């Protein structure tokens, strides 16, 4: 997916993520592990017609947006995908 293609195969994130409820028709792009728990933190879904949904629980703090892996390579690319660019 364009929102993760430029990101490394393994990525260590030191920030805070939320446990996300993901619908069955979504495709999980990124999962985070902490302790014995794994939770999806970024996912996509297409809606009827041309609708697209991109969700991420990254970027709760400004420093995430300044991080090139999360900001440019993931969030900006994900928003571009939603807009069809």
Protein backbone atom coordinates (compact mmCIF):
# COMPACT_ATOMS: atom_id res chain seq x y z
CA UNK A 1 0.00 0.00 0.00
CA UNK A 2 1.34 3.49 -0.81
CA UNK A 3 1.13 4.56 2.83
CA UNK A 4 3.64 1.93 3.95
CA UNK A 5 5.67 1.07 0.84
CA UNK A 6 8.38 3.64 1.71
CA UNK A 7 8.58 2.54 5.35
CA UNK A 8 11.07 -0.01 6.67
CA UNK A 9 10.16 -3.68 7.10
CA UNK A 10 10.66 -3.32 10.83
CA UNK A 11 10.01 -0.10 12.66
CA UNK A 12 10.36 0.63 16.34
CA UNK A 13 7.89 3.20 17.60
CA UNK A 14 8.37 4.74 21.05
CA UNK A 15 5.12 6.70 21.19
CA UNK A 16 1.62 5.95 22.40
CA UNK A 17 -0.93 4.10 20.26
CA UNK A 18 -4.57 3.24 20.87
CA UNK A 19 -6.08 -0.21 20.66
CA UNK A 20 -8.25 0.01 17.55
CA UNK A 21 -11.42 -1.86 16.70
CA UNK A 22 -11.07 -2.80 13.05
CA UNK A 23 -14.00 -3.87 10.91
CA UNK A 24 -13.75 -7.16 9.05
CA UNK A 25 -13.70 -5.42 5.68
CA UNK A 26 -10.56 -3.43 6.56
CA UNK A 27 -6.99 -4.24 5.60
CA UNK A 28 -4.52 -3.81 8.45
CA UNK A 29 -1.32 -2.09 7.31
CA UNK A 30 0.60 -1.74 10.58
CA UNK A 31 0.42 -3.56 13.89
CA UNK A 32 2.34 -2.67 17.03
CA UNK A 33 3.45 -5.08 19.70
CA UNK A 34 3.91 -4.15 23.33
CA UNK A 35 4.34 -6.79 25.96
CA UNK A 36 2.15 -9.74 24.99
CA UNK A 37 -0.33 -7.57 23.07
CA UNK A 38 -0.49 -6.87 19.35
CA UNK A 39 -2.88 -4.21 18.09
CA UNK A 40 -3.60 -2.77 14.65
CA UNK A 41 -2.65 0.89 14.51
CA UNK A 42 -3.10 1.67 10.81
CA UNK A 43 -5.66 0.28 8.41
CA UNK A 44 -7.53 1.05 5.19
CA UNK A 45 -10.97 0.26 3.84
CA UNK A 46 -12.81 1.08 0.64
CA UNK A 47 -16.42 2.21 0.69
CA UNK A 48 -19.08 1.82 -1.99
CA UNK A 49 -18.12 3.67 -5.10
CA UNK A 50 -14.85 5.56 -4.87
CA UNK A 51 -14.81 6.12 -1.08
CA UNK A 52 -11.62 5.34 0.81
CA UNK A 53 -10.84 5.28 4.53
CA UNK A 54 -7.35 5.53 6.02
CA UNK A 55 -6.96 5.26 9.80
CA UNK A 56 -3.85 5.56 11.91
CA UNK A 57 -3.36 6.09 15.62
CA UNK A 58 0.13 7.44 14.96
CA UNK A 59 0.60 11.21 15.11
CA UNK A 60 -0.97 11.99 18.45
CA UNK A 61 1.93 14.35 19.07
CA UNK A 62 3.60 16.88 16.77
CA UNK A 63 6.93 15.02 16.80
CA UNK A 64 5.28 12.09 14.98
CA UNK A 65 4.41 14.36 12.06
CA UNK A 66 8.02 15.56 11.91
CA UNK A 67 9.33 11.97 11.85
CA UNK A 68 9.92 11.14 8.15
CA UNK A 69 8.79 7.53 8.50
CA UNK A 70 5.48 8.36 10.16
CA UNK A 71 4.80 11.85 8.81
CA UNK A 72 5.91 11.87 5.18
CA UNK A 73 6.08 8.19 4.30
CA UNK A 74 2.97 7.00 6.13
CA UNK A 75 0.46 9.73 6.96
CA UNK A 76 0.94 12.02 3.96
CA UNK A 77 1.00 9.00 1.64
CA UNK A 78 -2.16 7.62 3.30
CA UNK A 79 -3.97 10.91 2.86
CA UNK A 80 -2.85 10.98 -0.77
CA UNK A 81 -4.35 7.51 -1.24
CA UNK A 82 -7.67 8.69 0.27
CA UNK A 83 -7.70 11.58 -2.18
CA UNK A 84 -6.86 9.31 -5.13
CA UNK A 85 -3.45 10.82 -5.79
